[in-house]
PDB file of N, CA and C in Angstrom:
ATOM      1  N   UNK A   1      87.894  90.065 110.982  1.00  0.00           N
ATOM      2  CA  UNK A   1      87.767  91.457 110.867  1.00  0.00           C
ATOM      3  C   UNK A   1      87.607  91.677 109.267  1.00  0.00           C
ATOM      4  N   UNK A   2      86.464  92.404 108.887  1.00  0.00           N
ATOM      5  CA  UNK A   2      86.043  92.454 107.372  1.00  0.00           C
ATOM      6  C   UNK A   2      86.995  93.545 106.784  1.00  0.00           C
ATOM      7  N   UNK A   3      87.422  93.360 105.567  1.00  0.00           N
ATOM      8  CA  UNK A   3      88.257  94.386 104.850  1.00  0.00           C
ATOM      9  C   UNK A   3      87.328  95.318 104.034  1.00  0.00           C
ATOM     10  N   UNK A   4      87.715  96.547 103.985  1.00  0.00           N
ATOM     11  CA  UNK A   4      87.065  97.414 103.199  1.00  0.00           C
ATOM     12  C   UNK A   4      87.599  97.496 101.791  1.00  0.00           C
ATOM     13  N   UNK A   5      86.794  97.312 100.732  1.00  0.00           N
ATOM     14  CA  UNK A   5      87.171  97.180  99.395  1.00  0.00           C
ATOM     15  C   UNK A   5      87.518  98.609  98.824  1.00  0.00           C
ATOM     16  N   UNK A   6      87.116  99.553  99.429  1.00  0.00           N
ATOM     17  CA  UNK A   6      87.324 100.804  98.737  1.00  0.00           C
ATOM     18  C   UNK A   6      88.109 101.904  99.720  1.00  0.00           C
ATOM     19  N   UNK A   7      89.338 101.472 100.036  1.00  0.00           N
ATOM     20  CA  UNK A   7      90.142 102.386 100.852  1.00  0.00           C
ATOM     21  C   UNK A   7      90.628 103.562 100.140  1.00  0.00           C
ATOM     22  N   UNK A   8      90.831 103.385  98.747  1.00  0.00           N
ATOM     23  CA  UNK A   8      91.354 104.594  98.006  1.00  0.00           C
ATOM     24  C   UNK A   8      90.272 104.913  96.919  1.00  0.00           C
ATOM     25  N   UNK A   9      90.060 106.293  96.851  1.00  0.00           N
ATOM     26  CA  UNK A   9      89.012 106.698  95.872  1.00  0.00           C
ATOM     27  C   UNK A   9      89.414 106.279  94.377  1.00  0.00           C
ATOM     28  N   UNK A  10      88.495 106.135  93.395  1.00  0.00           N
ATOM     29  CA  UNK A  10      88.796 105.913  92.098  1.00  0.00           C
ATOM     30  C   UNK A  10      89.767 106.897  91.432  1.00  0.00           C
ATOM     31  N   UNK A  11      89.555 108.209  91.895  1.00  0.00           N
ATOM     32  CA  UNK A  11      90.407 109.289  91.395  1.00  0.00           C
ATOM     33  C   UNK A  11      91.858 109.245  91.848  1.00  0.00           C
ATOM     34  N   UNK A  12      92.064 108.893  93.213  1.00  0.00           N
ATOM     35  CA  UNK A  12      93.484 108.484  93.550  1.00  0.00           C
ATOM     36  C   UNK A  12      94.053 107.365  92.938  1.00  0.00           C
ATOM     37  N   UNK A  13      93.305 106.387  92.771  1.00  0.00           N
ATOM     38  CA  UNK A  13      93.872 105.101  92.063  1.00  0.00           C
ATOM     39  C   UNK A  13      94.281 105.440  90.710  1.00  0.00           C
ATOM     40  N   UNK A  14      93.320 106.244  89.869  1.00  0.00           N
ATOM     41  CA  UNK A  14      93.674 106.626  88.540  1.00  0.00           C
ATOM     42  C   UNK A  14      95.017 107.624  88.434  1.00  0.00           C
ATOM     43  N   UNK A  15      94.976 108.557  89.391  1.00  0.00           N
ATOM     44  CA  UNK A  15      96.175 109.419  89.434  1.00  0.00           C
ATOM     45  C   UNK A  15      97.504 108.689  89.574  1.00  0.00           C
ATOM     46  N   UNK A  16      97.483 107.726  90.615  1.00  0.00           N
ATOM     47  CA  UNK A  16      98.534 106.811  90.725  1.00  0.00           C
ATOM     48  C   UNK A  16      98.980 106.066  89.701  1.00  0.00           C
ATOM     49  N   UNK A  17      97.988 105.486  89.095  1.00  0.00           N
ATOM     50  CA  UNK A  17      98.128 104.422  87.882  1.00  0.00           C
ATOM     51  C   UNK A  17      98.697 105.273  86.743  1.00  0.00           C
ATOM     52  N   UNK A  18      98.318 106.411  86.518  1.00  0.00           N
ATOM     53  CA  UNK A  18      98.816 107.246  85.415  1.00  0.00           C
ATOM     54  C   UNK A  18     100.329 107.605  85.748  1.00  0.00           C
ATOM     55  N   UNK A  19     100.474 107.926  86.953  1.00  0.00           N
ATOM     56  CA  UNK A  19     101.912 108.292  87.347  1.00  0.00           C
ATOM     57  C   UNK A  19     102.846 107.139  87.171  1.00  0.00           C
ATOM     58  N   UNK A  20     102.355 105.952  87.414  1.00  0.00           N
ATOM     59  CA  UNK A  20     103.291 104.616  87.349  1.00  0.00           C
ATOM     60  C   UNK A  20     103.159 104.035  85.985  1.00  0.00           C
ATOM     61  N   UNK A  21     102.426 104.529  85.020  1.00  0.00           N
ATOM     62  CA  UNK A  21     102.316 103.837  83.755  1.00  0.00           C
ATOM     63  C   UNK A  21     101.425 102.710  83.780  1.00  0.00           C
ATOM     64  N   UNK A  22     100.584 102.449  84.737  1.00  0.00           N
ATOM     65  CA  UNK A  22      99.598 101.348  84.745  1.00  0.00           C
ATOM     66  C   UNK A  22      98.293 101.654  84.263  1.00  0.00           C
ATOM     67  N   UNK A  23      98.004 102.949  84.114  1.00  0.00           N
ATOM     68  CA  UNK A  23      96.650 103.213  83.750  1.00  0.00           C
ATOM     69  C   UNK A  23      96.165 102.762  82.309  1.00  0.00           C
ATOM     70  N   UNK A  24      97.122 102.603  81.467  1.00  0.00           N
ATOM     71  CA  UNK A  24      96.764 102.257  79.990  1.00  0.00           C
ATOM     72  C   UNK A  24      96.488 100.631  80.097  1.00  0.00           C
ATOM     73  N   UNK A  25      96.933  99.909  80.983  1.00  0.00           N
ATOM     74  CA  UNK A  25      96.573  98.499  81.063  1.00  0.00           C
ATOM     75  C   UNK A  25      95.140  98.485  81.564  1.00  0.00           C
ATOM     76  N   UNK A  26      94.839  99.421  82.502  1.00  0.00           N
ATOM     77  CA  UNK A  26      93.397  99.373  83.093  1.00  0.00           C
ATOM     78  C   UNK A  26      92.438  99.628  81.988  1.00  0.00           C
ATOM     79  N   UNK A  27      92.844 100.785  81.137  1.00  0.00           N
ATOM     80  CA  UNK A  27      91.910 101.147  79.992  1.00  0.00           C
ATOM     81  C   UNK A  27      91.673 100.160  78.963  1.00  0.00           C
ATOM     82  N   UNK A  28      92.936  99.586  78.424  1.00  0.00           N
ATOM     83  CA  UNK A  28      92.937  98.701  77.489  1.00  0.00           C
ATOM     84  C   UNK A  28      92.236  97.261  77.738  1.00  0.00           C
ATOM     85  N   UNK A  29      92.420  96.662  79.090  1.00  0.00           N
ATOM     86  CA  UNK A  29      91.971  95.517  79.344  1.00  0.00           C
ATOM     87  C   UNK A  29      90.594  95.604  80.207  1.00  0.00           C
ATOM     88  N   UNK A  30      90.124  96.823  80.424  1.00  0.00           N
ATOM     89  CA  UNK A  30      88.672  96.979  80.851  1.00  0.00           C
ATOM     90  C   UNK A  30      88.695  96.740  82.411  1.00  0.00           C
ATOM     91  N   UNK A  31      89.573  97.131  83.118  1.00  0.00           N
ATOM     92  CA  UNK A  31      89.346  97.134  84.612  1.00  0.00           C
ATOM     93  C   UNK A  31      90.713  96.881  85.354  1.00  0.00           C
ATOM     94  N   UNK A  32      90.548  96.946  86.674  1.00  0.00           N
ATOM     95  CA  UNK A  32      91.670  96.767  87.687  1.00  0.00           C
ATOM     96  C   UNK A  32      92.083  95.247  87.932  1.00  0.00           C
ATOM     97  N   UNK A  33      91.133  94.456  87.446  1.00  0.00           N
ATOM     98  CA  UNK A  33      91.538  93.013  87.613  1.00  0.00           C
ATOM     99  C   UNK A  33      92.697  92.472  86.801  1.00  0.00           C
ATOM    100  N   UNK A  34      92.983  93.155  85.739  1.00  0.00           N
ATOM    101  CA  UNK A  34      94.180  92.759  84.926  1.00  0.00           C
ATOM    102  C   UNK A  34      95.433  93.435  85.298  1.00  0.00           C
ATOM    103  N   UNK A  35      95.374  94.111  86.270  1.00  0.00           N
ATOM    104  CA  UNK A  35      96.572  94.855  86.877  1.00  0.00           C
ATOM    105  C   UNK A  35      97.458  93.720  87.678  1.00  0.00           C
ATOM    106  N   UNK A  36      98.793  93.679  87.354  1.00  0.00           N
ATOM    107  CA  UNK A  36      99.602  92.477  88.003  1.00  0.00           C
ATOM    108  C   UNK A  36      99.694  92.862  89.560  1.00  0.00           C
ATOM    109  N   UNK A  37     100.029  91.795  90.372  1.00  0.00           N
ATOM    110  CA  UNK A  37     100.255  92.030  91.816  1.00  0.00           C
ATOM    111  C   UNK A  37     101.387  92.972  91.982  1.00  0.00           C
ATOM    112  N   UNK A  38     102.360  92.786  91.266  1.00  0.00           N
ATOM    113  CA  UNK A  38     103.518  93.773  91.530  1.00  0.00           C
ATOM    114  C   UNK A  38     103.195  95.272  91.054  1.00  0.00           C
ATOM    115  N   UNK A  39     102.397  95.417  90.072  1.00  0.00           N
ATOM    116  CA  UNK A  39     101.880  96.910  89.968  1.00  0.00           C
ATOM    117  C   UNK A  39     100.900  97.329  90.968  1.00  0.00           C
ATOM    118  N   UNK A  40     100.037  96.466  91.567  1.00  0.00           N
ATOM    119  CA  UNK A  40      99.384  96.889  92.647  1.00  0.00           C
ATOM    120  C   UNK A  40      99.970  97.140  93.817  1.00  0.00           C
ATOM    121  N   UNK A  41     101.017  96.517  94.039  1.00  0.00           N
ATOM    122  CA  UNK A  41     101.987  96.580  95.167  1.00  0.00           C
ATOM    123  C   UNK A  41     102.786  97.909  94.944  1.00  0.00           C
ATOM    124  N   UNK A  42     103.122  98.357  93.970  1.00  0.00           N
ATOM    125  CA  UNK A  42     103.732  99.672  93.644  1.00  0.00           C
ATOM    126  C   UNK A  42     102.695 100.753  93.730  1.00  0.00           C
ATOM    127  N   UNK A  43     101.420 100.511  93.420  1.00  0.00           N
ATOM    128  CA  UNK A  43     100.387 101.602  93.619  1.00  0.00           C
ATOM    129  C   UNK A  43     100.150 101.799  95.161  1.00  0.00           C
ATOM    130  N   UNK A  44     100.088 100.696  95.934  1.00  0.00           N
ATOM    131  CA  UNK A  44      99.885 100.758  97.345  1.00  0.00           C
ATOM    132  C   UNK A  44     101.077 101.471  97.983  1.00  0.00           C
ATOM    133  N   UNK A  45     102.321 101.251  97.634  1.00  0.00           N
ATOM    134  CA  UNK A  45     103.425 101.894  98.119  1.00  0.00           C
ATOM    135  C   UNK A  45     103.273 103.405  97.963  1.00  0.00           C
ATOM    136  N   UNK A  46     102.964 103.747  96.718  1.00  0.00           N
ATOM    137  CA  UNK A  46     102.848 105.156  96.390  1.00  0.00           C
ATOM    138  C   UNK A  46     101.726 105.844  97.097  1.00  0.00           C
ATOM    139  N   UNK A  47     100.618 105.177  97.446  1.00  0.00           N
ATOM    140  CA  UNK A  47      99.531 105.642  98.276  1.00  0.00           C
ATOM    141  C   UNK A  47     100.025 105.923  99.717  1.00  0.00           C
ATOM    142  N   UNK A  48     100.755 105.134 100.164  1.00  0.00           N
ATOM    143  CA  UNK A  48     101.167 105.160 101.552  1.00  0.00           C
ATOM    144  C   UNK A  48     102.079 106.279 101.518  1.00  0.00           C
ATOM    145  N   UNK A  49     103.033 106.518 100.665  1.00  0.00           N
ATOM    146  CA  UNK A  49     103.882 107.731 100.662  1.00  0.00           C
ATOM    147  C   UNK A  49     103.011 108.950 100.476  1.00  0.00           C
ATOM    148  N   UNK A  50     102.072 109.044  99.799  1.00  0.00           N
ATOM    149  CA  UNK A  50     101.377 110.277  99.652  1.00  0.00           C
ATOM    150  C   UNK A  50     100.495 110.416 100.994  1.00  0.00           C
ATOM    151  N   UNK A  51     100.080 109.443 101.653  1.00  0.00           N
ATOM    152  CA  UNK A  51      99.372 109.568 102.864  1.00  0.00           C
ATOM    153  C   UNK A  51     100.365 110.005 104.015  1.00  0.00           C
ATOM    154  N   UNK A  52     101.487 109.424 104.038  1.00  0.00           N
ATOM    155  CA  UNK A  52     102.476 109.864 105.056  1.00  0.00           C
ATOM    156  C   UNK A  52     102.898 111.397 104.829  1.00  0.00           C
ATOM    157  N   UNK A  53     102.985 111.758 103.583  1.00  0.00           N
ATOM    158  CA  UNK A  53     103.265 113.243 103.295  1.00  0.00           C
ATOM    159  C   UNK A  53     102.238 114.053 103.941  1.00  0.00           C
ATOM    160  N   UNK A  54     100.924 113.696 103.705  1.00  0.00           N
ATOM    161  CA  UNK A  54      99.892 114.595 104.008  1.00  0.00           C
ATOM    162  C   UNK A  54      99.677 114.606 105.553  1.00  0.00           C
ATOM    163  N   UNK A  55     100.028 113.582 106.367  1.00  0.00           N
ATOM    164  CA  UNK A  55      99.960 113.567 107.644  1.00  0.00           C
ATOM    165  C   UNK A  55     101.144 114.214 108.405  1.00  0.00           C
ATOM    166  N   UNK A  56     102.157 114.374 107.562  1.00  0.00           N
ATOM    167  CA  UNK A  56     103.384 114.885 108.267  1.00  0.00           C
ATOM    168  C   UNK A  56     103.502 116.408 107.798  1.00  0.00           C
ATOM    169  N   UNK A  57     102.580 116.912 107.017  1.00  0.00           N
ATOM    170  CA  UNK A  57     102.606 118.268 106.549  1.00  0.00           C
ATOM    171  C   UNK A  57     102.142 119.228 107.616  1.00  0.00           C
TER     172      UNK A  57
END
């Protein structure tokens, strides 16, 4: 089964990254490729929390 690369919009990624303090890394180092796996995992966890809140509302 093929994976979709764009499950989160750029706006949502940026919003979560700013909230978690990761966005400066993205800006300074020129992209998402320099974000650590741990930071990406934290972003995914936050995105799941947001999705769960919106479906339970």
